[in-house]
N, C-alpha and C. Protein backbone atom coordinates (compact mmCIF):
# COMPACT_ATOMS: atom_id res chain seq x y z
N MET A 1 19.00 -9.95 -9.96
CA MET A 1 20.14 -9.27 -10.56
C MET A 1 19.69 -8.42 -11.76
N ALA A 2 18.84 -9.00 -12.60
CA ALA A 2 18.37 -8.28 -13.79
C ALA A 2 17.58 -7.03 -13.39
N MET A 3 16.79 -7.15 -12.35
CA MET A 3 16.01 -5.99 -11.90
C MET A 3 16.92 -4.88 -11.40
N ARG A 4 17.97 -5.24 -10.70
CA ARG A 4 18.93 -4.23 -10.23
C ARG A 4 19.63 -3.57 -11.42
N ILE A 5 19.97 -4.35 -12.42
CA ILE A 5 20.61 -3.81 -13.62
C ILE A 5 19.67 -2.80 -14.30
N MET A 6 18.40 -3.14 -14.37
CA MET A 6 17.41 -2.23 -14.97
C MET A 6 17.31 -0.94 -14.16
N GLU A 7 17.24 -1.07 -12.85
CA GLU A 7 17.11 0.11 -11.98
C GLU A 7 18.34 1.01 -12.06
N GLU A 8 19.50 0.44 -12.33
CA GLU A 8 20.73 1.22 -12.43
C GLU A 8 20.91 1.84 -13.80
N ASN A 9 20.07 1.49 -14.75
CA ASN A 9 20.19 1.99 -16.12
C ASN A 9 18.86 2.55 -16.60
N VAL A 10 18.39 3.57 -15.90
CA VAL A 10 17.11 4.19 -16.24
C VAL A 10 17.29 5.23 -17.34
N GLU A 11 18.29 6.08 -17.20
CA GLU A 11 18.46 7.18 -18.15
C GLU A 11 18.85 6.69 -19.55
N PHE A 12 19.66 5.66 -19.61
CA PHE A 12 20.07 5.08 -20.88
C PHE A 12 19.71 3.60 -20.86
N PRO A 13 18.44 3.27 -21.17
CA PRO A 13 17.98 1.88 -21.06
C PRO A 13 18.80 0.93 -21.94
N LEU A 14 19.01 -0.24 -21.40
CA LEU A 14 19.75 -1.29 -22.11
C LEU A 14 18.78 -2.16 -22.91
N ALA A 15 19.29 -2.77 -23.95
CA ALA A 15 18.52 -3.76 -24.69
C ALA A 15 18.37 -5.00 -23.80
N MET A 16 17.29 -5.74 -23.99
CA MET A 16 17.06 -6.93 -23.16
C MET A 16 18.19 -7.95 -23.31
N ASP A 17 18.77 -8.06 -24.49
CA ASP A 17 19.90 -8.97 -24.66
C ASP A 17 21.06 -8.57 -23.75
N GLU A 18 21.28 -7.27 -23.60
CA GLU A 18 22.36 -6.78 -22.74
C GLU A 18 22.03 -6.99 -21.26
N VAL A 19 20.78 -6.77 -20.88
CA VAL A 19 20.37 -7.03 -19.50
C VAL A 19 20.60 -8.50 -19.17
N ALA A 20 20.18 -9.38 -20.07
CA ALA A 20 20.35 -10.82 -19.87
C ALA A 20 21.83 -11.19 -19.77
N ARG A 21 22.63 -10.63 -20.66
CA ARG A 21 24.07 -10.92 -20.65
C ARG A 21 24.69 -10.50 -19.32
N ARG A 22 24.37 -9.29 -18.87
CA ARG A 22 24.93 -8.80 -17.60
C ARG A 22 24.44 -9.61 -16.41
N ALA A 23 23.23 -10.17 -16.52
CA ALA A 23 22.69 -10.99 -15.43
C ALA A 23 23.20 -12.42 -15.51
N GLY A 24 23.87 -12.76 -16.60
CA GLY A 24 24.45 -14.09 -16.73
C GLY A 24 23.47 -15.17 -17.16
N VAL A 25 22.42 -14.76 -17.87
CA VAL A 25 21.45 -15.72 -18.39
C VAL A 25 21.16 -15.40 -19.85
N SER A 26 20.50 -16.34 -20.52
CA SER A 26 20.08 -16.07 -21.90
C SER A 26 18.84 -15.18 -21.87
N ARG A 27 18.56 -14.55 -22.97
CA ARG A 27 17.36 -13.71 -23.03
C ARG A 27 16.11 -14.55 -22.80
N ARG A 28 16.09 -15.74 -23.37
CA ARG A 28 14.94 -16.63 -23.20
C ARG A 28 14.76 -17.01 -21.73
N GLN A 29 15.86 -17.30 -21.05
CA GLN A 29 15.79 -17.64 -19.63
C GLN A 29 15.31 -16.44 -18.82
N LEU A 30 15.77 -15.26 -19.17
CA LEU A 30 15.33 -14.04 -18.50
C LEU A 30 13.81 -13.88 -18.66
N GLU A 31 13.32 -14.11 -19.85
CA GLU A 31 11.88 -14.00 -20.10
C GLU A 31 11.10 -15.04 -19.30
N ARG A 32 11.61 -16.25 -19.22
CA ARG A 32 10.95 -17.30 -18.43
C ARG A 32 10.92 -16.94 -16.94
N LEU A 33 12.05 -16.45 -16.43
CA LEU A 33 12.12 -16.08 -15.02
C LEU A 33 11.15 -14.94 -14.68
N PHE A 34 11.09 -13.95 -15.54
CA PHE A 34 10.17 -12.84 -15.30
C PHE A 34 8.73 -13.31 -15.39
N ALA A 35 8.42 -14.18 -16.33
CA ALA A 35 7.05 -14.69 -16.47
C ALA A 35 6.63 -15.44 -15.22
N SER A 36 7.52 -16.26 -14.67
CA SER A 36 7.14 -17.08 -13.53
C SER A 36 7.19 -16.32 -12.20
N HIS A 37 8.07 -15.34 -12.05
CA HIS A 37 8.23 -14.66 -10.77
C HIS A 37 7.58 -13.28 -10.71
N ILE A 38 7.53 -12.57 -11.83
CA ILE A 38 7.02 -11.20 -11.85
C ILE A 38 5.65 -11.14 -12.52
N GLY A 39 5.43 -12.02 -13.48
CA GLY A 39 4.17 -12.01 -14.21
C GLY A 39 4.11 -11.00 -15.34
N LEU A 40 5.25 -10.43 -15.66
CA LEU A 40 5.36 -9.47 -16.76
C LEU A 40 6.58 -9.82 -17.60
N PRO A 41 6.55 -9.51 -18.89
CA PRO A 41 7.77 -9.65 -19.67
C PRO A 41 8.83 -8.67 -19.15
N PRO A 42 10.09 -8.99 -19.26
CA PRO A 42 11.13 -8.09 -18.73
C PRO A 42 11.09 -6.70 -19.35
N VAL A 43 10.78 -6.61 -20.62
CA VAL A 43 10.74 -5.29 -21.27
C VAL A 43 9.63 -4.43 -20.66
N ARG A 44 8.51 -5.03 -20.30
CA ARG A 44 7.40 -4.29 -19.68
C ARG A 44 7.77 -3.87 -18.25
N HIS A 45 8.45 -4.74 -17.54
CA HIS A 45 8.89 -4.40 -16.19
C HIS A 45 9.90 -3.25 -16.23
N TYR A 46 10.79 -3.28 -17.19
CA TYR A 46 11.78 -2.22 -17.35
C TYR A 46 11.08 -0.89 -17.61
N LEU A 47 10.07 -0.91 -18.47
CA LEU A 47 9.31 0.30 -18.75
C LEU A 47 8.63 0.80 -17.48
N ARG A 48 8.10 -0.10 -16.68
CA ARG A 48 7.46 0.29 -15.42
C ARG A 48 8.47 0.96 -14.49
N ILE A 49 9.67 0.43 -14.41
CA ILE A 49 10.72 1.03 -13.57
C ILE A 49 10.97 2.47 -14.02
N ARG A 50 11.07 2.67 -15.33
CA ARG A 50 11.35 4.01 -15.87
C ARG A 50 10.19 4.97 -15.62
N VAL A 51 8.97 4.50 -15.81
CA VAL A 51 7.79 5.36 -15.60
C VAL A 51 7.63 5.68 -14.11
N ASP A 52 7.88 4.71 -13.26
CA ASP A 52 7.79 4.96 -11.82
C ASP A 52 8.85 5.97 -11.35
N HIS A 53 10.03 5.88 -11.94
CA HIS A 53 11.08 6.86 -11.62
C HIS A 53 10.62 8.25 -12.07
N ALA A 54 10.02 8.33 -13.24
CA ALA A 54 9.50 9.61 -13.74
C ALA A 54 8.44 10.16 -12.79
N LYS A 55 7.58 9.31 -12.28
CA LYS A 55 6.53 9.75 -11.37
C LYS A 55 7.15 10.35 -10.09
N ARG A 56 8.18 9.71 -9.59
CA ARG A 56 8.87 10.26 -8.40
C ARG A 56 9.47 11.64 -8.71
N LEU A 57 10.02 11.80 -9.90
CA LEU A 57 10.59 13.10 -10.28
C LEU A 57 9.49 14.15 -10.44
N ILE A 58 8.37 13.77 -11.02
CA ILE A 58 7.25 14.70 -11.19
C ILE A 58 6.76 15.16 -9.83
N GLU A 59 6.63 14.24 -8.90
CA GLU A 59 6.08 14.56 -7.59
C GLU A 59 7.07 15.26 -6.66
N GLY A 60 8.35 15.07 -6.90
CA GLY A 60 9.33 15.59 -5.97
C GLY A 60 10.25 16.68 -6.47
N THR A 61 10.09 17.06 -7.75
CA THR A 61 10.95 18.11 -8.28
C THR A 61 10.12 19.08 -9.12
N ARG A 62 10.76 20.13 -9.55
CA ARG A 62 10.13 21.07 -10.47
C ARG A 62 10.73 20.93 -11.87
N MET A 63 11.39 19.83 -12.12
CA MET A 63 12.00 19.62 -13.44
C MET A 63 10.94 19.71 -14.54
N PRO A 64 11.28 20.31 -15.67
CA PRO A 64 10.35 20.31 -16.81
C PRO A 64 10.10 18.87 -17.28
N PHE A 65 8.94 18.63 -17.82
CA PHE A 65 8.57 17.28 -18.24
C PHE A 65 9.53 16.70 -19.28
N ILE A 66 10.03 17.51 -20.19
CA ILE A 66 10.95 16.99 -21.20
C ILE A 66 12.25 16.53 -20.55
N ASP A 67 12.70 17.23 -19.51
CA ASP A 67 13.91 16.82 -18.80
C ASP A 67 13.67 15.52 -18.03
N ILE A 68 12.48 15.39 -17.47
CA ILE A 68 12.13 14.14 -16.79
C ILE A 68 12.09 13.00 -17.79
N ALA A 69 11.48 13.25 -18.93
CA ALA A 69 11.42 12.22 -19.97
C ALA A 69 12.82 11.75 -20.36
N MET A 70 13.71 12.68 -20.58
CA MET A 70 15.08 12.34 -20.96
C MET A 70 15.81 11.61 -19.83
N ALA A 71 15.58 12.04 -18.58
CA ALA A 71 16.23 11.41 -17.43
C ALA A 71 15.76 9.98 -17.22
N CYS A 72 14.65 9.64 -17.84
CA CYS A 72 14.09 8.28 -17.69
C CYS A 72 14.19 7.48 -18.97
N GLY A 73 15.00 7.96 -19.90
CA GLY A 73 15.30 7.19 -21.10
C GLY A 73 14.30 7.28 -22.24
N PHE A 74 13.41 8.28 -22.20
CA PHE A 74 12.46 8.45 -23.29
C PHE A 74 13.03 9.43 -24.29
N LEU A 75 12.82 9.15 -25.57
CA LEU A 75 13.39 10.00 -26.61
C LEU A 75 12.49 11.16 -26.99
N SER A 76 11.22 11.10 -26.58
CA SER A 76 10.31 12.20 -26.88
C SER A 76 9.33 12.38 -25.74
N ALA A 77 8.84 13.60 -25.60
CA ALA A 77 7.84 13.90 -24.57
C ALA A 77 6.53 13.17 -24.88
N LEU A 78 6.20 13.02 -26.16
CA LEU A 78 4.97 12.34 -26.55
C LEU A 78 4.98 10.87 -26.13
N HIS A 79 6.08 10.19 -26.41
CA HIS A 79 6.19 8.78 -26.02
C HIS A 79 6.17 8.64 -24.50
N PHE A 80 6.86 9.53 -23.82
CA PHE A 80 6.85 9.53 -22.36
C PHE A 80 5.43 9.69 -21.82
N ALA A 81 4.70 10.67 -22.33
CA ALA A 81 3.34 10.94 -21.84
C ALA A 81 2.43 9.74 -22.10
N LYS A 82 2.58 9.12 -23.26
CA LYS A 82 1.76 7.95 -23.61
C LYS A 82 2.03 6.79 -22.64
N CYS A 83 3.29 6.51 -22.38
CA CYS A 83 3.65 5.43 -21.45
C CYS A 83 3.21 5.76 -20.03
N PHE A 84 3.39 7.01 -19.62
CA PHE A 84 3.01 7.42 -18.28
C PHE A 84 1.51 7.21 -18.08
N ARG A 85 0.73 7.65 -19.07
CA ARG A 85 -0.72 7.51 -18.98
C ARG A 85 -1.13 6.04 -18.94
N ALA A 86 -0.45 5.19 -19.69
CA ALA A 86 -0.77 3.76 -19.72
C ALA A 86 -0.58 3.12 -18.34
N PHE A 87 0.43 3.54 -17.62
CA PHE A 87 0.71 2.96 -16.30
C PHE A 87 -0.07 3.63 -15.17
N HIS A 88 -0.27 4.93 -15.27
CA HIS A 88 -0.84 5.67 -14.14
C HIS A 88 -2.25 6.23 -14.38
N GLY A 89 -2.76 6.09 -15.59
CA GLY A 89 -4.12 6.52 -15.87
C GLY A 89 -4.32 8.02 -15.89
N MET A 90 -3.24 8.77 -15.99
CA MET A 90 -3.30 10.23 -16.05
C MET A 90 -2.05 10.74 -16.75
N SER A 91 -2.12 11.96 -17.19
CA SER A 91 -0.95 12.56 -17.85
C SER A 91 0.06 13.01 -16.80
N PRO A 92 1.30 13.25 -17.21
CA PRO A 92 2.28 13.81 -16.27
C PRO A 92 1.81 15.14 -15.68
N GLN A 93 1.15 15.97 -16.49
CA GLN A 93 0.65 17.25 -16.01
C GLN A 93 -0.40 17.06 -14.93
N GLN A 94 -1.31 16.11 -15.13
CA GLN A 94 -2.35 15.83 -14.13
C GLN A 94 -1.72 15.31 -12.84
N CYS A 95 -0.68 14.50 -12.97
CA CYS A 95 0.01 13.98 -11.80
C CYS A 95 0.62 15.11 -11.00
N ARG A 96 1.31 16.02 -11.67
CA ARG A 96 1.95 17.13 -10.96
C ARG A 96 0.90 18.04 -10.31
N ALA A 97 -0.22 18.22 -10.96
CA ALA A 97 -1.27 19.07 -10.41
C ALA A 97 -1.84 18.50 -9.12
N MET A 98 -1.70 17.20 -8.91
CA MET A 98 -2.23 16.55 -7.71
C MET A 98 -1.27 16.61 -6.52
N VAL A 99 -0.04 17.07 -6.75
CA VAL A 99 0.95 17.15 -5.67
C VAL A 99 0.51 18.22 -4.68
N PRO A 100 0.39 17.89 -3.41
CA PRO A 100 -0.02 18.89 -2.41
C PRO A 100 0.98 20.04 -2.33
N ALA A 101 0.47 21.21 -2.03
CA ALA A 101 1.30 22.41 -1.97
C ALA A 101 2.42 22.29 -0.93
N TRP A 102 2.20 21.54 0.13
CA TRP A 102 3.20 21.44 1.20
C TRP A 102 4.40 20.58 0.82
N VAL A 103 4.33 19.86 -0.32
CA VAL A 103 5.43 18.98 -0.70
C VAL A 103 6.69 19.77 -1.00
N GLY A 104 6.57 20.88 -1.66
CA GLY A 104 7.75 21.66 -1.97
C GLY A 104 7.38 23.07 -2.35
N PRO A 105 8.16 24.04 -1.92
CA PRO A 105 7.84 25.44 -2.26
C PRO A 105 7.94 25.66 -3.75
N GLY A 106 6.93 26.27 -4.30
CA GLY A 106 6.93 26.60 -5.71
C GLY A 106 6.71 25.43 -6.63
N LEU A 107 6.45 24.24 -6.11
CA LEU A 107 6.26 23.08 -6.97
C LEU A 107 5.00 23.19 -7.77
N ARG A 108 3.97 23.71 -7.20
CA ARG A 108 2.68 23.79 -7.89
C ARG A 108 2.62 24.98 -8.72
């Protein structure tokens, strides 16, 4: 349930207390469940959801990077780029440069 709540709130991320409340558990219980089932803290998993959504937008649209950052709940392009690089080992620009030309007209 918590994972679905996170996926439904990418553009305007919720605080972990709010995610836990909506899922009907305490924040501590949410952290325990994520540790035992996912192996990541819930806040880190939420960040991964947001960064993965950004990657899909980079690969599938021509949206400017700042618009992608905002659509994924990042307040600055710098923070977005730092998080993206931490998860994917490359910058958003490098990711877009790797998109094959056949994916979309004018994307490259």
